[in-house]
Structure formats: C-alpha cells, structure tokens
Amino acid sequence: MKQKIPGSMSGLLSATNTAIEAGTSLSATVALAHNTPAAFTVARGAAVVARDARELGKEELRILRELAEIERNETREFVMLGRDQLKPTLGRLYHPGWDITGFQGTLQAPNKPDKLESFAEAFHSYLVQNPTKEVPAHDITAVKADERYNAIKNARTAVLAKEGELKTLKQNRDAKFAVLAVLLRGLVKELGQLIPPLDGRWTTFGFNTPGVKERPPTPTNIKVVLIGPNALSVKWDRSARAEYYRVWMRIVGVGTELGVVGTPADLDMTLESLPSNSIVEVALSAMNNGGESARSEVIAVQTL
C-alpha cells in the first residue's frame, strides 16, 4: 500500500509528532540512523517558529493597514479643507492656476494613498511659497501639510515594507515545512530497510503497512443470467488489485439479509439448485489482503 505524506501544515505537524513518538518508543528495535527523532524534533521546531512568525507578521500588517487607512482619511480631509479655504481666492472651478497647489486637472480630492502623499507634498511647497494663503484658524498651514505628508508617507512605506517581509516569511515557512515532508519520505525509505513490509510497527510510525494492498474497487458490469429453471450464471469484470471475490445472495421471502455463497478467484460463478419460481438477489464485492470493497448494487432475477 502506498504511503501518503500530508500536504497541509497541520497534517505534517501531526505526522512528525507521531514519527517522533514512535522513533523514541521503538528505538531499541528500530535503529534509525538518519531520520531520527532528534532530526524530526529540530525540523519540527523550526517549522513551528516559521509558521508563528508569519502569523505574527500578518497581524502586524493588519494593524499597519488600519493605521495607514486612518492617515489616508485624515490627509484626504486635510486636502478637502485646504481646497475649500482656497476657493474664495482661486475660484470654485478648476483652472490651471490650481495646479501649483497640487490639484491638477480636477478639484476632486484623490483617494489613493500614493496620490494623497504627492498632493500633501505639493501643497506643503505651495504654502511655504505663499504663506499668506495659510489659514491657521483651520490648521491649513505649511507645518500641517508637512505633517500630513510625512504621516501618510511613513504609513504607506511601513505597509509596503511589511508586505515584502511577509513574502519572505511565507517562503521561509514553506521551506521549513518542506523539510518535514522530506524527512517523512526519508523515514519511509529507511523503515523499508529496517522492518518487513507487513510489520505492525509501520502503523506505529503513522504509515500504511506497505505489504498490505489498497482495497480493490467494487466489481462492475455484473451480469446475472438464468441458465436453467433453477440455475443462474453470474459474471463480472475484473476489479483492480482484487485477489478473489465474494458472491452474495438472498432468496426473497426466505432470508432477510444477503449471505456469502462463494469466494471465487475467477470472474464467474454458477448458482445452482435454487427454489423454483423465486426471486433471487445477487451482489458482489472484491477482496485482497487490504480489505473488502464496497458491495455492488443488488441484481434480482426470477427462477422458473
């Protein structure tokens, strides 16, 4: 039976815990040389640290984005207030004379942080060059414009920096968890050299027993044909991995449950000496040392 290495972080952490416990408890009989409990413990600890670092980074980014949104809103309010204070002297409609203030092509206040940052910088320069346009009563000053420029610039820069850091943290986390998958695959190979394929210790390590086959699929294309007054021929297609089959039968009105009437290795079976004028129900399942498949649908045939 094939081994399945988990793909999720939680699955890898659980599987490596099992490997650590099994490797420790069975150290006297399974002498691991490479994929040892110590190696798993170090790698698992590194993976957990990397995972937690990224989760912490995500929370820090969330907070930074909230702060950046506050700065964006405050800067936009400052922009709109500054525009309204300048309208009595520059006019209520846009014209090229507004360009020097930061409003270019429109008097609508920008929404995006980078455009607000550029505007605050331009507006600061305008007020420095035109101090008579300041309105201290409404805090429309060069100092305030510079404060808004630096606040939104720093907030935006912090978000971009943290986003870049998160990419690195994710790469590091993924690499650390990839090491766990490599160790588990290595453990499978090493155990294959140390214990037999049907040894029960495979399951202690959390793996399938390699000597046990995967269960076969349910038989298909089942044909039940009346070949005499009291006999049926049952045929079916081969099921992958099947070593033999179970033929189930029930005579309606006689039994309440289907019962096994044969376990052929071939792909056919004859049911004989059936009661006359009876409805016979037939179903099949496939077997190997890994277990039994699901049972097929029941086929009913009436005898003569």
C-alpha atoms as a PDB file:
ATOM      1  CA  MET A   1       0.000   0.000   0.000  1.00  0.00           C
ATOM      2  CA  LYS A   2       1.362   3.404  -0.964  1.00  0.00           C
ATOM      3  CA  GLN A   3       2.349   5.903   1.702  1.00  0.00           C
ATOM      4  CA  LYS A   4       0.622   9.278   1.717  1.00  0.00           C
ATOM      5  CA  ILE A   5       2.690  12.186   3.005  1.00  0.00           C
ATOM      6  CA  PRO A   6       0.410  15.003   4.311  1.00  0.00           C
ATOM      7  CA  GLY A   7       0.286  18.176   2.269  1.00  0.00           C
ATOM      8  CA  SER A   8      -1.120  20.522   4.901  1.00  0.00           C
ATOM      9  CA  MET A   9       0.845  22.171   7.695  1.00  0.00           C
ATOM     10  CA  SER A  10      -1.361  20.629  10.370  1.00  0.00           C
ATOM     11  CA  GLY A  11      -1.016  17.214   8.755  1.00  0.00           C
ATOM     12  CA  LEU A  12       2.777  17.489   8.607  1.00  0.00           C
ATOM     13  CA  LEU A  13       2.994  18.600  12.226  1.00  0.00           C
ATOM     14  CA  SER A  14       0.782  15.725  13.340  1.00  0.00           C
ATOM     15  CA  ALA A  15       2.679  13.162  11.258  1.00  0.00           C
ATOM     16  CA  THR A  16       6.049  14.323  12.546  1.00  0.00           C
ATOM     17  CA  ASN A  17       4.794  14.144  16.137  1.00  0.00           C
ATOM     18  CA  THR A  18       3.794  10.534  15.514  1.00  0.00           C
ATOM     19  CA  ALA A  19       7.184   9.809  13.958  1.00  0.00           C
ATOM     20  CA  ILE A  20       8.996  11.343  16.932  1.00  0.00           C
ATOM     21  CA  GLU A  21       6.992   9.338  19.458  1.00  0.00           C
ATOM     22  CA  ALA A  22       7.341   6.077  17.501  1.00  0.00           C
ATOM     23  CA  GLY A  23      11.049   6.559  16.864  1.00  0.00           C
ATOM     24  CA  THR A  24      11.610   7.191  20.563  1.00  0.00           C
ATOM     25  CA  SER A  25       9.485   4.325  21.877  1.00  0.00           C
ATOM     26  CA  LEU A  26      10.827   1.804  19.330  1.00  0.00           C
ATOM     27  CA  SER A  27      14.464   2.917  19.440  1.00  0.00           C
ATOM     28  CA  ALA A  28      15.528  -0.442  20.895  1.00  0.00           C
ATOM     29  CA  THR A  29      14.188  -2.413  17.923  1.00  0.00           C
ATOM     30  CA  VAL A  30      14.256   0.164  15.094  1.00  0.00           C
ATOM     31  CA  ALA A  31      17.701   1.761  14.941  1.00  0.00           C
ATOM     32  CA  LEU A  32      17.141   4.852  12.797  1.00  0.00           C
ATOM     33  CA  ALA A  33      20.387   6.401  11.565  1.00  0.00           C
ATOM     34  CA  HIS A  34      19.217   9.361   9.504  1.00  0.00           C
ATOM     35  CA  ASN A  35      15.562  10.238  10.065  1.00  0.00           C
ATOM     36  CA  THR A  36      15.854  10.177  13.834  1.00  0.00           C
ATOM     37  CA  PRO A  37      13.515  11.604  16.480  1.00  0.00           C
ATOM     38  CA  ALA A  38      16.161  14.264  17.161  1.00  0.00           C
ATOM     39  CA  ALA A  39      16.218  15.328  13.496  1.00  0.00           C
ATOM     40  CA  PHE A  40      12.432  15.472  13.405  1.00  0.00           C
ATOM     41  CA  THR A  41      12.284  17.458  16.650  1.00  0.00           C
ATOM     42  CA  VAL A  42      14.693  20.132  15.385  1.00  0.00           C
ATOM     43  CA  ALA A  43      12.978  20.421  12.000  1.00  0.00           C
ATOM     44  CA  ARG A  44       9.512  20.484  13.541  1.00  0.00           C
ATOM     45  CA  GLY A  45      10.518  23.211  15.993  1.00  0.00           C
ATOM     46  CA  ALA A  46      11.900  25.316  13.146  1.00  0.00           C
ATOM     47  CA  ALA A  47       8.680  24.851  11.164  1.00  0.00           C
ATOM     48  CA  VAL A  48       6.529  25.926  14.113  1.00  0.00           C
ATOM     49  CA  VAL A  49       8.679  29.022  14.692  1.00  0.00           C
ATOM     50  CA  ALA A  50       8.465  29.927  10.985  1.00  0.00           C
ATOM     51  CA  ARG A  51       4.700  29.410  10.952  1.00  0.00           C
ATOM     52  CA  ASP A  52       4.166  31.540  14.050  1.00  0.00           C
ATOM     53  CA  ALA A  53       6.450  34.279  12.699  1.00  0.00           C
ATOM     54  CA  ARG A  54       4.330  34.588   9.580  1.00  0.00           C
ATOM     55  CA  GLU A  55       1.096  34.631  11.580  1.00  0.00           C
ATOM     56  CA  LEU A  56       2.523  37.394  13.758  1.00  0.00           C
ATOM     57  CA  GLY A  57       3.587  39.257  10.623  1.00  0.00           C
ATOM     58  CA  LYS A  58       0.055  39.001   9.233  1.00  0.00           C
ATOM     59  CA  GLU A  59      -1.344  40.557  12.401  1.00  0.00           C
ATOM     60  CA  GLU A  60       1.251  43.333  12.305  1.00  0.00           C
ATOM     61  CA  LEU A  61       0.350  44.018   8.675  1.00  0.00           C
ATOM     62  CA  ARG A  62      -3.326  44.224   9.574  1.00  0.00           C
ATOM     63  CA  ILE A  63      -2.565  46.837  12.220  1.00  0.00           C
ATOM     64  CA  LEU A  64      -0.325  48.812   9.854  1.00  0.00           C
ATOM     65  CA  ARG A  65      -3.032  48.818   7.200  1.00  0.00           C
ATOM     66  CA  GLU A  66      -5.550  50.124   9.710  1.00  0.00           C
ATOM     67  CA  LEU A  67      -3.153  52.911  10.703  1.00  0.00           C
ATOM     68  CA  ALA A  68      -2.480  53.692   7.045  1.00  0.00           C
ATOM     69  CA  GLU A  69      -6.217  53.958   6.436  1.00  0.00           C
ATOM     70  CA  ILE A  70      -6.518  56.426   9.319  1.00  0.00           C
ATOM     71  CA  GLU A  71      -3.720  58.531   7.836  1.00  0.00           C
ATOM     72  CA  ARG A  72      -5.339  58.323   4.401  1.00  0.00           C
ATOM     73  CA  ASN A  73      -8.669  59.583   5.740  1.00  0.00           C
ATOM     74  CA  GLU A  74      -7.076  62.389   7.758  1.00  0.00           C
ATOM     75  CA  THR A  75      -4.936  63.501   4.830  1.00  0.00           C
ATOM     76  CA  ARG A  76      -7.919  63.499   2.485  1.00  0.00           C
ATOM     77  CA  GLU A  77      -9.922  65.581   4.956  1.00  0.00           C
ATOM     78  CA  PHE A  78      -6.992  67.999   5.147  1.00  0.00           C
ATOM     79  CA  VAL A  79      -6.871  68.170   1.337  1.00  0.00           C
ATOM     80  CA  MET A  80     -10.596  68.910   1.040  1.00  0.00           C
ATOM     81  CA  LEU A  81     -10.483  71.516   3.816  1.00  0.00           C
ATOM     82  CA  GLY A  82      -7.472  73.203   2.213  1.00  0.00           C
ATOM     83  CA  ARG A  83      -9.246  73.276  -1.146  1.00  0.00           C
ATOM     84  CA  ASP A  84     -12.367  74.850   0.377  1.00  0.00           C
ATOM     85  CA  GLN A  85     -10.261  77.529   2.139  1.00  0.00           C
ATOM     86  CA  LEU A  86      -8.576  78.438  -1.173  1.00  0.00           C
ATOM     87  CA  LYS A  87     -11.744  78.631  -3.260  1.00  0.00           C
ATOM     88  CA  PRO A  88     -12.565  82.266  -2.299  1.00  0.00           C
ATOM     89  CA  THR A  89      -9.234  83.391  -3.825  1.00  0.00           C
ATOM     90  CA  LEU A  90      -8.568  80.790  -6.541  1.00  0.00           C
ATOM     91  CA  GLY A  91     -12.167  80.221  -7.651  1.00  0.00           C
ATOM     92  CA  ARG A  92     -14.717  77.487  -7.165  1.00  0.00           C
ATOM     93  CA  LEU A  93     -13.984  75.798 -10.506  1.00  0.00           C
ATOM     94  CA  TYR A  94     -10.765  74.187 -11.594  1.00  0.00           C
ATOM     95  CA  HIS A  95      -8.359  76.152 -13.807  1.00  0.00           C
ATOM     96  CA  PRO A  96      -4.589  75.796 -14.396  1.00  0.00           C
ATOM     97  CA  GLY A  97      -3.916  78.250 -11.575  1.00  0.00           C
ATOM     98  CA  TRP A  98      -4.820  75.457  -9.174  1.00  0.00           C
ATOM     99  CA  ASP A  99      -2.020  73.166 -10.441  1.00  0.00           C
ATOM    100  CA  ILE A 100       0.629  74.669  -8.171  1.00  0.00           C
ATOM    101  CA  THR A 101      -1.423  73.682  -5.110  1.00  0.00           C
ATOM    102  CA  GLY A 102      -1.437  70.013  -6.071  1.00  0.00           C
ATOM    103  CA  PHE A 103      -4.864  69.953  -7.701  1.00  0.00           C
ATOM    104  CA  GLN A 104      -4.178  69.125 -11.336  1.00  0.00           C
ATOM    105  CA  GLY A 105      -6.963  68.658 -13.857  1.00  0.00           C
ATOM    106  CA  THR A 106      -9.668  68.485 -11.189  1.00  0.00           C
ATOM    107  CA  LEU A 107     -10.672  69.801  -7.789  1.00  0.00           C
ATOM    108  CA  GLN A 108     -11.684  66.368  -6.596  1.00  0.00           C
ATOM    109  CA  ALA A 109      -9.591  65.115  -3.704  1.00  0.00           C
ATOM    110  CA  PRO A 110      -7.679  61.906  -4.558  1.00  0.00           C
ATOM    111  CA  ASN A 111      -8.459  58.674  -2.747  1.00  0.00           C
ATOM    112  CA  LYS A 112      -5.333  56.591  -3.210  1.00  0.00           C
ATOM    113  CA  PRO A 113      -2.605  56.924  -0.571  1.00  0.00           C
ATOM    114  CA  ASP A 114       0.217  57.497  -3.078  1.00  0.00           C
ATOM    115  CA  LYS A 115      -1.689  60.340  -4.788  1.00  0.00           C
ATOM    116  CA  LEU A 116      -2.579  61.882  -1.433  1.00  0.00           C
ATOM    117  CA  GLU A 117       1.085  61.678  -0.464  1.00  0.00           C
ATOM    118  CA  SER A 118       2.112  63.540  -3.632  1.00  0.00           C
ATOM    119  CA  PHE A 119      -0.606  66.112  -3.099  1.00  0.00           C
ATOM    120  CA  ALA A 120       0.391  66.789   0.525  1.00  0.00           C
ATOM    121  CA  GLU A 121       3.991  67.351  -0.595  1.00  0.00           C
ATOM    122  CA  ALA A 122       2.907  69.757  -3.350  1.00  0.00           C
ATOM    123  CA  PHE A 123       0.515  71.578  -1.038  1.00  0.00           C
ATOM    124  CA  HIS A 124       3.277  71.996   1.555  1.00  0.00           C
ATOM    125  CA  SER A 125       5.534  73.589  -1.075  1.00  0.00           C
ATOM    126  CA  TYR A 126       2.710  75.904  -2.178  1.00  0.00           C
ATOM    127  CA  LEU A 127       2.051  77.147   1.374  1.00  0.00           C
ATOM    128  CA  VAL A 128       5.780  77.634   2.027  1.00  0.00           C
ATOM    129  CA  GLN A 129       5.966  79.821  -1.095  1.00  0.00           C
ATOM    130  CA  ASN A 130       2.641  81.526  -0.372  1.00  0.00           C
ATOM    131  CA  PRO A 131       2.421  81.986   3.405  1.00  0.00           C
ATOM    132  CA  THR A 132      -0.441  84.467   3.004  1.00  0.00           C
ATOM    133  CA  LYS A 133      -2.617  81.568   1.808  1.00  0.00           C
ATOM    134  CA  GLU A 134      -2.327  79.797   5.162  1.00  0.00           C
ATOM    135  CA  VAL A 135      -5.464  79.661   7.311  1.00  0.00           C
ATOM    136  CA  PRO A 136      -4.197  78.961  10.848  1.00  0.00           C
ATOM    137  CA  ALA A 137      -7.714  79.051  12.268  1.00  0.00           C
ATOM    138  CA  HIS A 138      -8.488  75.886  10.315  1.00  0.00           C
ATOM    139  CA  ASP A 139      -4.980  74.434  10.673  1.00  0.00           C
ATOM    140  CA  ILE A 140      -4.275  74.944   6.969  1.00  0.00           C
ATOM    141  CA  THR A 141      -0.572  75.660   7.312  1.00  0.00           C
ATOM    142  CA  ALA A 142       2.704  74.564   5.750  1.00  0.00           C
ATOM    143  CA  VAL A 143       3.577  72.820   9.015  1.00  0.00           C
ATOM    144  CA  LYS A 144       0.330  70.834   8.949  1.00  0.00           C
ATOM    145  CA  ALA A 145       0.780  69.951   5.274  1.00  0.00           C
ATOM    146  CA  ASP A 146       4.286  68.685   6.001  1.00  0.00           C
ATOM    147  CA  GLU A 147       2.927  66.683   8.937  1.00  0.00           C
ATOM    148  CA  ARG A 148       0.290  65.096   6.711  1.00  0.00           C
ATOM    149  CA  TYR A 149       2.867  64.354   4.012  1.00  0.00           C
ATOM    150  CA  ASN A 150       5.223  62.583   6.406  1.00  0.00           C
ATOM    151  CA  ALA A 151       2.412  60.735   8.196  1.00  0.00           C
ATOM    152  CA  ILE A 152       0.884  59.200   5.079  1.00  0.00           C
ATOM    153  CA  LYS A 153       4.304  58.563   3.512  1.00  0.00           C
ATOM    154  CA  ASN A 154       5.566  56.736   6.595  1.00  0.00           C
ATOM    155  CA  ALA A 155       2.341  54.738   6.951  1.00  0.00           C
ATOM    156  CA  ARG A 156       2.369  53.705   3.311  1.00  0.00           C
ATOM    157  CA  THR A 157       6.065  52.813   3.423  1.00  0.00           C
ATOM    158  CA  ALA A 158       5.538  50.725   6.553  1.00  0.00           C
ATOM    159  CA  VAL A 159       2.750  48.733   4.856  1.00  0.00           C
ATOM    160  CA  LEU A 160       4.864  48.085   1.754  1.00  0.00           C
ATOM    161  CA  ALA A 161       7.829  47.018   3.884  1.00  0.00           C
ATOM    162  CA  LYS A 162       5.694  44.636   5.932  1.00  0.00           C
ATOM    163  CA  GLU A 163       4.128  43.171   2.778  1.00  0.00           C
ATOM    164  CA  GLY A 164       7.612  42.438   1.465  1.00  0.00           C
ATOM    165  CA  GLU A 165       8.599  40.941   4.806  1.00  0.00           C
ATOM    166  CA  LEU A 166       5.527  38.697   4.758  1.00  0.00           C
ATOM    167  CA  LYS A 167       6.527  37.275   1.384  1.00  0.00           C
ATOM    168  CA  THR A 168       9.901  36.342   2.846  1.00  0.00           C
ATOM    169  CA  LEU A 169       8.253  34.890   5.963  1.00  0.00           C
ATOM    170  CA  LYS A 170       5.951  32.763   3.806  1.00  0.00           C
ATOM    171  CA  GLN A 171       8.864  31.478   1.731  1.00  0.00           C
ATOM    172  CA  ASN A 172      10.739  30.608   4.915  1.00  0.00           C
ATOM    173  CA  ARG A 173       7.702  28.872   6.423  1.00  0.00           C
ATOM    174  CA  ASP A 174       7.076  26.848   3.262  1.00  0.00           C
ATOM    175  CA  ALA A 175      10.732  25.818   3.123  1.00  0.00           C
ATOM    176  CA  LYS A 176      10.681  24.650   6.750  1.00  0.00           C
ATOM    177  CA  PHE A 177       7.544  22.578   6.219  1.00  0.00           C
ATOM    178  CA  ALA A 178       9.027  21.144   3.032  1.00  0.00           C
ATOM    179  CA  VAL A 179      11.861  19.804   5.201  1.00  0.00           C
ATOM    180  CA  LEU A 180       9.290  17.900   7.278  1.00  0.00           C
ATOM    181  CA  ALA A 181       7.884  16.279   4.141  1.00  0.00           C
ATOM    182  CA  VAL A 182      11.410  15.311   3.040  1.00  0.00           C
ATOM    183  CA  LEU A 183      12.107  13.769   6.443  1.00  0.00           C
ATOM    184  CA  LEU A 184       8.877  11.759   6.343  1.00  0.00           C
ATOM    185  CA  ARG A 185       9.663  10.437   2.868  1.00  0.00           C
ATOM    186  CA  GLY A 186      13.159   9.601   4.059  1.00  0.00           C
ATOM    187  CA  LEU A 187      11.726   7.810   7.070  1.00  0.00           C
ATOM    188  CA  VAL A 188       9.580   5.635   4.806  1.00  0.00           C
ATOM    189  CA  LYS A 189      12.659   4.584   2.822  1.00  0.00           C
ATOM    190  CA  GLU A 190      14.713   3.954   5.947  1.00  0.00           C
ATOM    191  CA  LEU A 191      11.976   1.886   7.588  1.00  0.00           C
ATOM    192  CA  GLY A 192      11.754  -0.143   4.390  1.00  0.00           C
ATOM    193  CA  GLN A 193      15.332  -1.237   5.040  1.00  0.00           C
ATOM    194  CA  LEU A 194      14.778  -1.971   8.728  1.00  0.00           C
ATOM    195  CA  ILE A 195      11.402  -3.698   9.113  1.00  0.00           C
ATOM    196  CA  PRO A 196       9.378  -6.165   6.969  1.00  0.00           C
ATOM    197  CA  PRO A 197       6.547  -4.863   4.751  1.00  0.00           C
ATOM    198  CA  LEU A 198       3.851  -6.495   6.884  1.00  0.00           C
ATOM    199  CA  ASP A 199       5.344  -5.452  10.225  1.00  0.00           C
ATOM    200  CA  GLY A 200       2.848  -3.789  12.560  1.00  0.00           C
ATOM    201  CA  ARG A 201       5.399  -1.158  13.540  1.00  0.00           C
ATOM    202  CA  TRP A 202       4.640   0.695  10.288  1.00  0.00           C
ATOM    203  CA  THR A 203       1.326   1.819  11.762  1.00  0.00           C
ATOM    204  CA  THR A 204       3.060   2.908  14.968  1.00  0.00           C
ATOM    205  CA  PHE A 205       5.032   5.355  12.837  1.00  0.00           C
ATOM    206  CA  GLY A 206       1.768   6.561  11.301  1.00  0.00           C
ATOM    207  CA  PHE A 207       2.278   4.891   7.909  1.00  0.00           C
ATOM    208  CA  ASN A 208       0.346   2.326   5.919  1.00  0.00           C
ATOM    209  CA  THR A 209       1.658  -1.224   6.067  1.00  0.00           C
ATOM    210  CA  PRO A 210       3.389  -1.436   2.652  1.00  0.00           C
ATOM    211  CA  GLY A 211       2.830  -5.182   2.324  1.00  0.00           C
ATOM    212  CA  VAL A 212      -0.918  -4.667   2.528  1.00  0.00           C
ATOM    213  CA  LYS A 213      -2.613  -3.787  -0.732  1.00  0.00           C
ATOM    214  CA  GLU A 214      -5.051  -0.956  -1.175  1.00  0.00           C
ATOM    215  CA  ARG A 215      -8.618  -2.218  -1.096  1.00  0.00           C
ATOM    216  CA  PRO A 216      -9.970  -3.085  -4.549  1.00  0.00           C
ATOM    217  CA  PRO A 217     -12.831  -1.159  -6.119  1.00  0.00           C
ATOM    218  CA  THR A 218     -16.365  -2.519  -6.269  1.00  0.00           C
ATOM    219  CA  PRO A 219     -16.901  -5.025  -9.119  1.00  0.00           C
ATOM    220  CA  THR A 220     -18.676  -3.616 -12.156  1.00  0.00           C
ATOM    221  CA  ASN A 221     -20.565  -4.810 -15.225  1.00  0.00           C
ATOM    222  CA  ILE A 222     -22.205  -7.651 -13.292  1.00  0.00           C
ATOM    223  CA  LYS A 223     -24.414  -9.897 -15.374  1.00  0.00           C
ATOM    224  CA  VAL A 224     -26.806 -12.425 -13.845  1.00  0.00           C
ATOM    225  CA  VAL A 225     -28.463 -14.720 -16.383  1.00  0.00           C
ATOM    226  CA  LEU A 226     -30.946 -17.592 -15.900  1.00  0.00           C
ATOM    227  CA  ILE A 227     -29.313 -20.685 -17.485  1.00  0.00           C
ATOM    228  CA  GLY A 228     -31.869 -23.248 -16.383  1.00  0.00           C
ATOM    229  CA  PRO A 229     -35.052 -23.463 -14.369  1.00  0.00           C
ATOM    230  CA  ASN A 230     -33.086 -23.406 -11.117  1.00  0.00           C
ATOM    231  CA  ALA A 231     -29.632 -22.066 -12.024  1.00  0.00           C
ATOM    232  CA  LEU A 232     -28.049 -18.649 -12.551  1.00  0.00           C
ATOM    233  CA  SER A 233     -24.796 -17.651 -14.228  1.00  0.00           C
ATOM    234  CA  VAL A 234     -23.046 -14.691 -12.612  1.00  0.00           C
ATOM    235  CA  LYS A 235     -20.227 -12.880 -14.459  1.00  0.00           C
ATOM    236  CA  TRP A 236     -18.379  -9.594 -13.807  1.00  0.00           C
ATOM    237  CA  ASP A 237     -15.384  -7.503 -14.861  1.00  0.00           C
ATOM    238  CA  ARG A 238     -12.042  -7.750 -13.082  1.00  0.00           C
ATOM    239  CA  SER A 239     -11.505  -5.311 -10.194  1.00  0.00           C
ATOM    240  CA  ALA A 240      -8.056  -3.805  -9.873  1.00  0.00           C
ATOM    241  CA  ARG A 241      -5.992  -5.330  -7.043  1.00  0.00           C
ATOM    242  CA  ALA A 242      -8.663  -7.988  -6.336  1.00  0.00           C
ATOM    243  CA  GLU A 243      -7.367 -11.420  -5.257  1.00  0.00           C
ATOM    244  CA  TYR A 244     -10.789 -13.009  -5.066  1.00  0.00           C
ATOM    245  CA  TYR A 245     -14.462 -12.063  -4.934  1.00  0.00           C
ATOM    246  CA  ARG A 246     -17.387 -12.586  -2.620  1.00  0.00           C
ATOM    247  CA  VAL A 247     -20.689 -13.529  -4.198  1.00  0.00           C
ATOM    248  CA  TRP A 248     -23.653 -12.531  -2.058  1.00  0.00           C
ATOM    249  CA  MET A 249     -27.159 -13.974  -2.488  1.00  0.00           C
ATOM    250  CA  ARG A 250     -30.603 -13.832  -0.926  1.00  0.00           C
ATOM    251  CA  ILE A 251     -33.809 -15.629  -1.852  1.00  0.00           C
ATOM    252  CA  VAL A 252     -36.609 -13.163  -1.312  1.00  0.00           C
ATOM    253  CA  GLY A 253     -39.041 -14.402   1.283  1.00  0.00           C
ATOM    254  CA  VAL A 254     -36.572 -16.892   2.730  1.00  0.00           C
ATOM    255  CA  GLY A 255     -33.751 -14.776   4.133  1.00  0.00           C
ATOM    256  CA  THR A 256     -33.670 -11.220   5.396  1.00  0.00           C
ATOM    257  CA  GLU A 257     -30.013 -10.497   4.657  1.00  0.00           C
ATOM    258  CA  LEU A 258     -27.652 -11.234   1.793  1.00  0.00           C
ATOM    259  CA  GLY A 259     -25.226 -14.041   2.628  1.00  0.00           C
ATOM    260  CA  VAL A 260     -21.927 -15.131   1.089  1.00  0.00           C
ATOM    261  CA  VAL A 261     -22.381 -18.173  -1.164  1.00  0.00           C
ATOM    262  CA  GLY A 262     -18.957 -18.297  -2.798  1.00  0.00           C
ATOM    263  CA  THR A 263     -15.482 -16.741  -2.951  1.00  0.00           C
ATOM    264  CA  PRO A 264     -14.192 -17.411  -6.479  1.00  0.00           C
ATOM    265  CA  ALA A 265     -10.888 -16.086  -7.795  1.00  0.00           C
ATOM    266  CA  ASP A 266     -12.278 -16.270 -11.348  1.00  0.00           C
ATOM    267  CA  LEU A 267     -14.702 -13.810 -12.902  1.00  0.00           C
ATOM    268  CA  ASP A 268     -17.755 -16.055 -12.940  1.00  0.00           C
ATOM    269  CA  MET A 269     -19.800 -18.372 -10.768  1.00  0.00           C
ATOM    270  CA  THR A 270     -22.837 -20.587 -11.233  1.00  0.00           C
ATOM    271  CA  LEU A 271     -25.605 -20.649  -8.630  1.00  0.00           C
ATOM    272  CA  GLU A 272     -27.490 -23.960  -8.746  1.00  0.00           C
ATOM    273  CA  SER A 273     -30.359 -25.797  -7.005  1.00  0.00           C
ATOM    274  CA  LEU A 274     -32.327 -22.604  -6.500  1.00  0.00           C
ATOM    275  CA  PRO A 275     -36.012 -22.769  -5.495  1.00  0.00           C
ATOM    276  CA  SER A 276     -38.458 -22.670  -8.378  1.00  0.00           C
ATOM    277  CA  ASN A 277     -40.451 -19.518  -9.057  1.00  0.00           C
ATOM    278  CA  SER A 278     -38.342 -17.448  -6.667  1.00  0.00           C
ATOM    279  CA  ILE A 279     -36.751 -14.031  -6.850  1.00  0.00           C
ATOM    280  CA  VAL A 280     -33.012 -14.312  -6.244  1.00  0.00           C
ATOM    281  CA  GLU A 281     -30.952 -11.246  -5.336  1.00  0.00           C
ATOM    282  CA  VAL A 282     -27.239 -11.229  -6.151  1.00  0.00           C
ATOM    283  CA  ALA A 283     -24.414  -8.792  -5.327  1.00  0.00           C
ATOM    284  CA  LEU A 284     -20.597  -8.852  -5.423  1.00  0.00           C
ATOM    285  CA  SER A 285     -17.626  -7.445  -3.519  1.00  0.00           C
ATOM    286  CA  ALA A 286     -13.884  -7.735  -4.205  1.00  0.00           C
ATOM    287  CA  MET A 287     -11.226  -8.801  -1.690  1.00  0.00           C
ATOM    288  CA  ASN A 288      -7.493  -8.670  -1.086  1.00  0.00           C
ATOM    289  CA  ASN A 289      -5.275  -8.530   1.981  1.00  0.00           C
ATOM    290  CA  GLY A 290      -6.092  -4.851   2.361  1.00  0.00           C
ATOM    291  CA  GLY A 291      -9.769  -5.498   2.899  1.00  0.00           C
ATOM    292  CA  GLU A 292     -13.088  -5.730   1.114  1.00  0.00           C
ATOM    293  CA  SER A 293     -14.536  -3.328  -1.422  1.00  0.00           C
ATOM    294  CA  ALA A 294     -17.931  -1.787  -1.091  1.00  0.00           C
ATOM    295  CA  ARG A 295     -20.665  -4.163  -2.179  1.00  0.00           C
ATOM    296  CA  SER A 296     -22.225  -3.704  -5.577  1.00  0.00           C
ATOM    297  CA  GLU A 297     -25.858  -2.928  -6.194  1.00  0.00           C
ATOM    298  CA  VAL A 298     -28.224  -5.869  -5.859  1.00  0.00           C
ATOM    299  CA  ILE A 299     -29.408  -7.567  -9.067  1.00  0.00           C
ATOM    300  CA  ALA A 300     -32.671  -9.517  -8.882  1.00  0.00           C
ATOM    301  CA  VAL A 301     -33.561 -12.443 -11.185  1.00  0.00           C
ATOM    302  CA  GLN A 302     -36.609 -14.780 -11.014  1.00  0.00           C
ATOM    303  CA  THR A 303     -36.240 -18.536 -11.433  1.00  0.00           C
ATOM    304  CA  LEU A 304     -38.768 -20.635 -13.380  1.00  0.00           C
END
